[in-house]
Amino acid sequence: MQTYHEVQDIANSHVCREHPGATLVVVWDTDHYRLACGEAHWADKLQRIMLPSELYRQGGPQDPNIENTLRRRDQMTTPNEQVPTKQAPERVKEAAETALQRKEEKAKEEKPSPLTLEGWYLRLRQFYPTAVVGTRPLTYDERSPAMLPADIHAWVAEVFAHPTSPIIARGHGYAWEQDEEEGALPEGPLKRVWQRAEERAEISAISRLVPLGLAPPGKE
């Protein structure tokens, strides 16, 4: 069972998919904590809040804050190193796509190494530019039939071609305290247990929809 602090962490980093402008609050529901939406209903469908920089690296919609950040970075470089502001976003995106393509080509020749969550999102938007991914922890009623131990964090992720479309892919992710984060860099911050479960659910859903062997439209 998730503690109050764990559920509060989830509330701080997510919004209700149905009412993104409402506040999420932690409520005690009989025998476990649960998220409620400010619109007076249980928030069982969540949307993870992403920083503008994270969205940009994943090929998501451009945010004005990103352009301002890039402009400030350009001003800090020497004249010979400067890049026109309008070209900077495109060059960063092209570099990310090229790196992803090379990694996919290498995976065909060698033992495939898993893409990062960022790489999977970038790949998803090569096929579905307006796609969104909703996530949520499994509900109390969903955990019981699966007989999941109390220390297992279980999440489900659902992919939509656009915010109002039906679900086109679904995946699950699991994590526990003793479970080590795969691919974590020694100097990088380790994710909380529930964050690892959520990330694995996102990767599971996206990889089912756009597996590495599938070529993006126009690149067959």
C-alpha atoms as a PDB file:
ATOM      1  CA  MET A   1       0.000   0.000   0.000  1.00  0.00           C
ATOM      2  CA  GLN A   2       1.322   3.444  -0.893  1.00  0.00           C
ATOM      3  CA  THR A   3       2.118   5.822   1.930  1.00  0.00           C
ATOM      4  CA  TYR A   4       0.715   9.338   2.221  1.00  0.00           C
ATOM      5  CA  HIS A   5       4.031  10.868   1.100  1.00  0.00           C
ATOM      6  CA  GLU A   6       4.200   8.632  -1.989  1.00  0.00           C
ATOM      7  CA  VAL A   7       0.667   9.553  -3.039  1.00  0.00           C
ATOM      8  CA  GLN A   8       1.414  13.231  -2.371  1.00  0.00           C
ATOM      9  CA  ASP A   9       4.501  12.949  -4.614  1.00  0.00           C
ATOM     10  CA  ILE A  10       2.266  11.612  -7.374  1.00  0.00           C
ATOM     11  CA  ALA A  11      -0.195  14.469  -6.830  1.00  0.00           C
ATOM     12  CA  ASN A  12       2.619  17.033  -7.100  1.00  0.00           C
ATOM     13  CA  SER A  13       3.858  15.689 -10.434  1.00  0.00           C
ATOM     14  CA  HIS A  14       0.562  14.856 -12.186  1.00  0.00           C
ATOM     15  CA  VAL A  15      -2.741  16.403 -13.202  1.00  0.00           C
ATOM     16  CA  CYS A  16      -6.158  14.878 -13.744  1.00  0.00           C
ATOM     17  CA  ARG A  17      -6.555  14.034 -17.447  1.00  0.00           C
ATOM     18  CA  GLU A  18     -10.214  15.056 -17.386  1.00  0.00           C
ATOM     19  CA  HIS A  19      -9.663  18.340 -15.480  1.00  0.00           C
ATOM     20  CA  PRO A  20      -5.992  19.383 -15.904  1.00  0.00           C
ATOM     21  CA  GLY A  21      -6.646  22.753 -14.303  1.00  0.00           C
ATOM     22  CA  ALA A  22      -7.943  21.303 -11.028  1.00  0.00           C
ATOM     23  CA  THR A  23      -5.821  20.535  -7.969  1.00  0.00           C
ATOM     24  CA  LEU A  24      -5.118  16.938  -6.942  1.00  0.00           C
ATOM     25  CA  VAL A  25      -5.527  16.167  -3.249  1.00  0.00           C
ATOM     26  CA  VAL A  26      -4.737  13.050  -1.202  1.00  0.00           C
ATOM     27  CA  VAL A  27      -7.781  11.498   0.479  1.00  0.00           C
ATOM     28  CA  TRP A  28      -8.089   8.537   2.844  1.00  0.00           C
ATOM     29  CA  ASP A  29     -10.627   6.144   1.299  1.00  0.00           C
ATOM     30  CA  THR A  30     -11.703   3.519   3.872  1.00  0.00           C
ATOM     31  CA  ASP A  31      -8.381   1.651   4.074  1.00  0.00           C
ATOM     32  CA  HIS A  32      -5.979   3.285   1.605  1.00  0.00           C
ATOM     33  CA  TYR A  33      -4.932   6.672   0.257  1.00  0.00           C
ATOM     34  CA  ARG A  34      -6.400   7.846  -3.025  1.00  0.00           C
ATOM     35  CA  LEU A  35      -6.185  10.910  -5.285  1.00  0.00           C
ATOM     36  CA  ALA A  36      -9.223  13.135  -5.666  1.00  0.00           C
ATOM     37  CA  CYS A  37      -9.699  15.883  -8.225  1.00  0.00           C
ATOM     38  CA  GLY A  38     -10.728  19.428  -7.358  1.00  0.00           C
ATOM     39  CA  GLU A  39     -13.779  18.883  -9.565  1.00  0.00           C
ATOM     40  CA  ALA A  40     -15.147  16.509  -6.901  1.00  0.00           C
ATOM     41  CA  HIS A  41     -14.389  13.088  -8.360  1.00  0.00           C
ATOM     42  CA  TRP A  42     -11.732  10.380  -7.996  1.00  0.00           C
ATOM     43  CA  ALA A  43      -8.734  11.125 -10.198  1.00  0.00           C
ATOM     44  CA  ASP A  44      -8.163   7.650 -11.636  1.00  0.00           C
ATOM     45  CA  LYS A  45      -6.753   8.953 -14.947  1.00  0.00           C
ATOM     46  CA  LEU A  46      -3.568  10.995 -14.643  1.00  0.00           C
ATOM     47  CA  GLN A  47      -1.261  12.952 -16.924  1.00  0.00           C
ATOM     48  CA  ARG A  48       2.388  13.309 -15.934  1.00  0.00           C
ATOM     49  CA  ILE A  49       3.585  16.925 -15.832  1.00  0.00           C
ATOM     50  CA  MET A  50       6.650  17.377 -18.044  1.00  0.00           C
ATOM     51  CA  LEU A  51       9.046  20.294 -17.979  1.00  0.00           C
ATOM     52  CA  PRO A  52       9.175  22.347 -21.214  1.00  0.00           C
ATOM     53  CA  SER A  53      12.761  21.198 -21.767  1.00  0.00           C
ATOM     54  CA  GLU A  54      11.720  17.547 -21.378  1.00  0.00           C
ATOM     55  CA  LEU A  55       8.881  17.963 -23.858  1.00  0.00           C
ATOM     56  CA  TYR A  56      11.223  19.596 -26.349  1.00  0.00           C
ATOM     57  CA  ARG A  57      13.843  16.830 -26.134  1.00  0.00           C
ATOM     58  CA  GLN A  58      11.068  14.298 -26.703  1.00  0.00           C
ATOM     59  CA  GLY A  59       9.880  16.081 -29.835  1.00  0.00           C
ATOM     60  CA  GLY A  60       6.791  17.501 -28.161  1.00  0.00           C
ATOM     61  CA  PRO A  61       5.078  20.844 -28.813  1.00  0.00           C
ATOM     62  CA  GLN A  62       7.467  23.802 -28.706  1.00  0.00           C
ATOM     63  CA  ASP A  63       7.172  26.063 -25.689  1.00  0.00           C
ATOM     64  CA  PRO A  64       8.167  29.768 -25.775  1.00  0.00           C
ATOM     65  CA  ASN A  65      10.305  29.196 -22.684  1.00  0.00           C
ATOM     66  CA  ILE A  66      12.527  26.852 -24.693  1.00  0.00           C
ATOM     67  CA  GLU A  67      13.187  29.514 -27.323  1.00  0.00           C
ATOM     68  CA  ASN A  68      14.115  32.010 -24.612  1.00  0.00           C
ATOM     69  CA  THR A  69      16.479  29.499 -23.012  1.00  0.00           C
ATOM     70  CA  LEU A  70      18.128  28.718 -26.336  1.00  0.00           C
ATOM     71  CA  ARG A  71      18.515  32.422 -27.062  1.00  0.00           C
ATOM     72  CA  ARG A  72      20.245  32.984 -23.721  1.00  0.00           C
ATOM     73  CA  ARG A  73      22.562  30.038 -24.352  1.00  0.00           C
ATOM     74  CA  ASP A  74      23.444  31.370 -27.809  1.00  0.00           C
ATOM     75  CA  GLN A  75      24.345  34.736 -26.317  1.00  0.00           C
ATOM     76  CA  MET A  76      26.790  33.037 -23.944  1.00  0.00           C
ATOM     77  CA  THR A  77      28.786  31.431 -26.776  1.00  0.00           C
ATOM     78  CA  THR A  78      31.572  33.107 -28.709  1.00  0.00           C
ATOM     79  CA  PRO A  79      30.683  34.857 -32.012  1.00  0.00           C
ATOM     80  CA  ASN A  80      32.201  32.022 -34.045  1.00  0.00           C
ATOM     81  CA  GLU A  81      30.127  29.470 -32.156  1.00  0.00           C
ATOM     82  CA  GLN A  82      26.818  31.281 -32.304  1.00  0.00           C
ATOM     83  CA  VAL A  83      23.901  29.760 -34.192  1.00  0.00           C
ATOM     84  CA  PRO A  84      20.884  31.766 -35.392  1.00  0.00           C
ATOM     85  CA  THR A  85      18.107  31.389 -32.833  1.00  0.00           C
ATOM     86  CA  LYS A  86      15.609  30.085 -35.379  1.00  0.00           C
ATOM     87  CA  GLN A  87      18.045  27.371 -36.460  1.00  0.00           C
ATOM     88  CA  ALA A  88      18.936  26.209 -32.939  1.00  0.00           C
ATOM     89  CA  PRO A  89      15.700  24.296 -32.164  1.00  0.00           C
ATOM     90  CA  GLU A  90      15.790  22.517 -35.533  1.00  0.00           C
ATOM     91  CA  ARG A  91      19.445  21.556 -35.154  1.00  0.00           C
ATOM     92  CA  VAL A  92      18.857  20.139 -31.681  1.00  0.00           C
ATOM     93  CA  LYS A  93      15.866  18.146 -32.887  1.00  0.00           C
ATOM     94  CA  GLU A  94      17.720  16.875 -35.964  1.00  0.00           C
ATOM     95  CA  ALA A  95      20.649  15.799 -33.808  1.00  0.00           C
ATOM     96  CA  ALA A  96      18.323  13.891 -31.459  1.00  0.00           C
ATOM     97  CA  GLU A  97      16.585  12.160 -34.377  1.00  0.00           C
ATOM     98  CA  THR A  98      19.926  11.257 -35.964  1.00  0.00           C
ATOM     99  CA  ALA A  99      21.189   9.787 -32.697  1.00  0.00           C
ATOM    100  CA  LEU A 100      17.985   7.768 -32.343  1.00  0.00           C
ATOM    101  CA  GLN A 101      18.264   6.475 -35.921  1.00  0.00           C
ATOM    102  CA  ARG A 102      21.881   5.414 -35.396  1.00  0.00           C
ATOM    103  CA  LYS A 103      20.947   3.623 -32.189  1.00  0.00           C
ATOM    104  CA  GLU A 104      18.182   1.743 -33.980  1.00  0.00           C
ATOM    105  CA  GLU A 105      20.533   0.741 -36.817  1.00  0.00           C
ATOM    106  CA  LYS A 106      23.107  -0.460 -34.311  1.00  0.00           C
ATOM    107  CA  ALA A 107      20.442  -2.456 -32.481  1.00  0.00           C
ATOM    108  CA  LYS A 108      19.745  -4.415 -35.677  1.00  0.00           C
ATOM    109  CA  GLU A 109      23.393  -5.488 -35.917  1.00  0.00           C
ATOM    110  CA  GLU A 110      24.097  -6.109 -32.235  1.00  0.00           C
ATOM    111  CA  LYS A 111      22.175  -7.182 -29.181  1.00  0.00           C
ATOM    112  CA  PRO A 112      19.529  -4.461 -28.787  1.00  0.00           C
ATOM    113  CA  SER A 113      20.088  -2.063 -25.915  1.00  0.00           C
ATOM    114  CA  PRO A 114      16.969  -0.458 -24.429  1.00  0.00           C
ATOM    115  CA  LEU A 115      16.105   3.082 -25.436  1.00  0.00           C
ATOM    116  CA  THR A 116      15.621   5.648 -22.708  1.00  0.00           C
ATOM    117  CA  LEU A 117      12.126   6.922 -21.988  1.00  0.00           C
ATOM    118  CA  GLU A 118      13.093  10.121 -23.799  1.00  0.00           C
ATOM    119  CA  GLY A 119      14.110   8.104 -26.852  1.00  0.00           C
ATOM    120  CA  TRP A 120      10.840   6.188 -26.863  1.00  0.00           C
ATOM    121  CA  TYR A 121       8.832   9.424 -26.722  1.00  0.00           C
ATOM    122  CA  LEU A 122      10.846  10.847 -29.611  1.00  0.00           C
ATOM    123  CA  ARG A 123      10.164   7.676 -31.582  1.00  0.00           C
ATOM    124  CA  LEU A 124       6.445   7.790 -30.690  1.00  0.00           C
ATOM    125  CA  ARG A 125       6.127  11.307 -32.109  1.00  0.00           C
ATOM    126  CA  GLN A 126       7.770  10.230 -35.360  1.00  0.00           C
ATOM    127  CA  PHE A 127       4.630   8.133 -35.914  1.00  0.00           C
ATOM    128  CA  TYR A 128       2.046  10.115 -33.915  1.00  0.00           C
ATOM    129  CA  PRO A 129       3.057  13.807 -33.651  1.00  0.00           C
ATOM    130  CA  THR A 130       0.094  14.715 -31.419  1.00  0.00           C
ATOM    131  CA  ALA A 131       0.197  11.609 -29.215  1.00  0.00           C
ATOM    132  CA  VAL A 132      -0.270  11.859 -25.455  1.00  0.00           C
ATOM    133  CA  VAL A 133       0.399   9.236 -22.790  1.00  0.00           C
ATOM    134  CA  GLY A 134      -1.790   8.961 -19.722  1.00  0.00           C
ATOM    135  CA  THR A 135      -0.561   7.084 -16.644  1.00  0.00           C
ATOM    136  CA  ARG A 136      -1.956   5.964 -13.309  1.00  0.00           C
ATOM    137  CA  PRO A 137      -1.184   3.488 -10.541  1.00  0.00           C
ATOM    138  CA  LEU A 138      -3.301   0.351 -10.530  1.00  0.00           C
ATOM    139  CA  THR A 139      -6.358   0.837  -8.343  1.00  0.00           C
ATOM    140  CA  TYR A 140      -6.944  -1.054  -5.139  1.00  0.00           C
ATOM    141  CA  ASP A 141      -9.557  -3.243  -6.874  1.00  0.00           C
ATOM    142  CA  GLU A 142      -7.226  -3.974  -9.811  1.00  0.00           C
ATOM    143  CA  ARG A 143      -4.381  -5.119  -7.579  1.00  0.00           C
ATOM    144  CA  SER A 144      -6.429  -7.696  -5.659  1.00  0.00           C
ATOM    145  CA  PRO A 145      -7.203 -10.125  -8.557  1.00  0.00           C
ATOM    146  CA  ALA A 146      -3.533 -10.022  -9.574  1.00  0.00           C
ATOM    147  CA  MET A 147      -2.530 -10.816  -5.966  1.00  0.00           C
ATOM    148  CA  LEU A 148       0.221  -8.202  -6.049  1.00  0.00           C
ATOM    149  CA  PRO A 149       2.266  -7.948  -2.826  1.00  0.00           C
ATOM    150  CA  ALA A 150       1.881  -4.696  -0.913  1.00  0.00           C
ATOM    151  CA  ASP A 151       5.470  -3.631  -1.672  1.00  0.00           C
ATOM    152  CA  ILE A 152       5.034  -3.869  -5.459  1.00  0.00           C
ATOM    153  CA  HIS A 153       4.347  -0.570  -7.220  1.00  0.00           C
ATOM    154  CA  ALA A 154       2.227  -1.199 -10.312  1.00  0.00           C
ATOM    155  CA  TRP A 155       1.320   1.372 -12.976  1.00  0.00           C
ATOM    156  CA  VAL A 156      -0.552   1.341 -16.263  1.00  0.00           C
ATOM    157  CA  ALA A 157       0.138   3.677 -19.216  1.00  0.00           C
ATOM    158  CA  GLU A 158      -2.270   4.381 -22.076  1.00  0.00           C
ATOM    159  CA  VAL A 159      -1.365   5.984 -25.407  1.00  0.00           C
ATOM    160  CA  PHE A 160      -3.779   8.210 -27.341  1.00  0.00           C
ATOM    161  CA  ALA A 161      -3.158   9.424 -30.915  1.00  0.00           C
ATOM    162  CA  HIS A 162      -4.408  12.829 -29.715  1.00  0.00           C
ATOM    163  CA  PRO A 163      -5.958  13.983 -26.418  1.00  0.00           C
ATOM    164  CA  THR A 164      -9.564  13.098 -27.335  1.00  0.00           C
ATOM    165  CA  SER A 165      -8.979   9.869 -29.292  1.00  0.00           C
ATOM    166  CA  PRO A 166      -9.585   6.296 -28.079  1.00  0.00           C
ATOM    167  CA  ILE A 167      -6.729   4.312 -26.535  1.00  0.00           C
ATOM    168  CA  ILE A 168      -4.358   2.852 -29.143  1.00  0.00           C
ATOM    169  CA  ALA A 169      -1.885   1.094 -26.813  1.00  0.00           C
ATOM    170  CA  ARG A 170      -1.571   0.077 -23.179  1.00  0.00           C
ATOM    171  CA  GLY A 171       1.344  -1.134 -21.063  1.00  0.00           C
ATOM    172  CA  HIS A 172       2.133  -1.993 -17.452  1.00  0.00           C
ATOM    173  CA  GLY A 173       5.165  -1.351 -15.280  1.00  0.00           C
ATOM    174  CA  TYR A 174       6.265  -2.739 -11.921  1.00  0.00           C
ATOM    175  CA  ALA A 175       8.964  -1.847  -9.386  1.00  0.00           C
ATOM    176  CA  TRP A 176       9.867  -2.531  -5.769  1.00  0.00           C
ATOM    177  CA  GLU A 177      12.299  -1.249  -3.165  1.00  0.00           C
ATOM    178  CA  GLN A 178      15.017  -3.851  -3.774  1.00  0.00           C
ATOM    179  CA  ASP A 179      14.663  -3.528  -7.530  1.00  0.00           C
ATOM    180  CA  GLU A 180      17.619  -1.719  -9.129  1.00  0.00           C
ATOM    181  CA  GLU A 181      16.971   0.956 -11.696  1.00  0.00           C
ATOM    182  CA  GLU A 182      18.121  -0.340 -15.085  1.00  0.00           C
ATOM    183  CA  GLY A 183      20.490   1.915 -16.978  1.00  0.00           C
ATOM    184  CA  ALA A 184      20.872   4.386 -14.117  1.00  0.00           C
ATOM    185  CA  LEU A 185      24.092   6.376 -14.246  1.00  0.00           C
ATOM    186  CA  PRO A 186      26.163   6.366 -11.046  1.00  0.00           C
ATOM    187  CA  GLU A 187      26.207  10.155 -10.962  1.00  0.00           C
ATOM    188  CA  GLY A 188      22.544  10.533 -11.903  1.00  0.00           C
ATOM    189  CA  PRO A 189      19.693  10.853  -9.411  1.00  0.00           C
ATOM    190  CA  LEU A 190      17.844   7.623  -8.705  1.00  0.00           C
ATOM    191  CA  LYS A 191      14.109   7.684  -9.272  1.00  0.00           C
ATOM    192  CA  ARG A 192      11.598   6.857  -6.571  1.00  0.00           C
ATOM    193  CA  VAL A 193      10.115   3.376  -6.737  1.00  0.00           C
ATOM    194  CA  TRP A 194       6.769   4.544  -8.092  1.00  0.00           C
ATOM    195  CA  GLN A 195       8.551   6.665 -10.718  1.00  0.00           C
ATOM    196  CA  ARG A 196      10.401   3.603 -12.000  1.00  0.00           C
ATOM    197  CA  ALA A 197       7.136   1.689 -12.240  1.00  0.00           C
ATOM    198  CA  GLU A 198       5.461   4.556 -14.097  1.00  0.00           C
ATOM    199  CA  GLU A 199       8.384   4.926 -16.530  1.00  0.00           C
ATOM    200  CA  ARG A 200       8.393   1.203 -17.288  1.00  0.00           C
ATOM    201  CA  ALA A 201       4.662   1.342 -17.986  1.00  0.00           C
ATOM    202  CA  GLU A 202       5.199   4.209 -20.430  1.00  0.00           C
ATOM    203  CA  ILE A 203       8.003   2.343 -22.210  1.00  0.00           C
ATOM    204  CA  SER A 204       5.894  -0.824 -22.331  1.00  0.00           C
ATOM    205  CA  ALA A 205       2.948   0.987 -23.927  1.00  0.00           C
ATOM    206  CA  ILE A 206       5.015   2.948 -26.457  1.00  0.00           C
ATOM    207  CA  SER A 207       7.187  -0.019 -27.450  1.00  0.00           C
ATOM    208  CA  ARG A 208       4.069  -2.106 -28.128  1.00  0.00           C
ATOM    209  CA  LEU A 209       2.759   0.591 -30.457  1.00  0.00           C
ATOM    210  CA  VAL A 210       5.978   1.537 -32.271  1.00  0.00           C
ATOM    211  CA  PRO A 211       8.510  -1.321 -31.863  1.00  0.00           C
ATOM    212  CA  LEU A 212      12.071  -0.757 -33.090  1.00  0.00           C
ATOM    213  CA  GLY A 213      11.556  -2.910 -36.179  1.00  0.00           C
ATOM    214  CA  LEU A 214       8.791  -0.606 -37.438  1.00  0.00           C
ATOM    215  CA  ALA A 215       9.903   2.164 -39.821  1.00  0.00           C
ATOM    216  CA  PRO A 216       8.417   5.676 -39.407  1.00  0.00           C
ATOM    217  CA  PRO A 217       6.045   6.895 -42.159  1.00  0.00           C
ATOM    218  CA  GLY A 218       7.948   7.901 -45.296  1.00  0.00           C
ATOM    219  CA  LYS A 219      11.109   5.991 -44.279  1.00  0.00           C
ATOM    220  CA  GLU A 220      10.181   2.464 -45.401  1.00  0.00           C
END
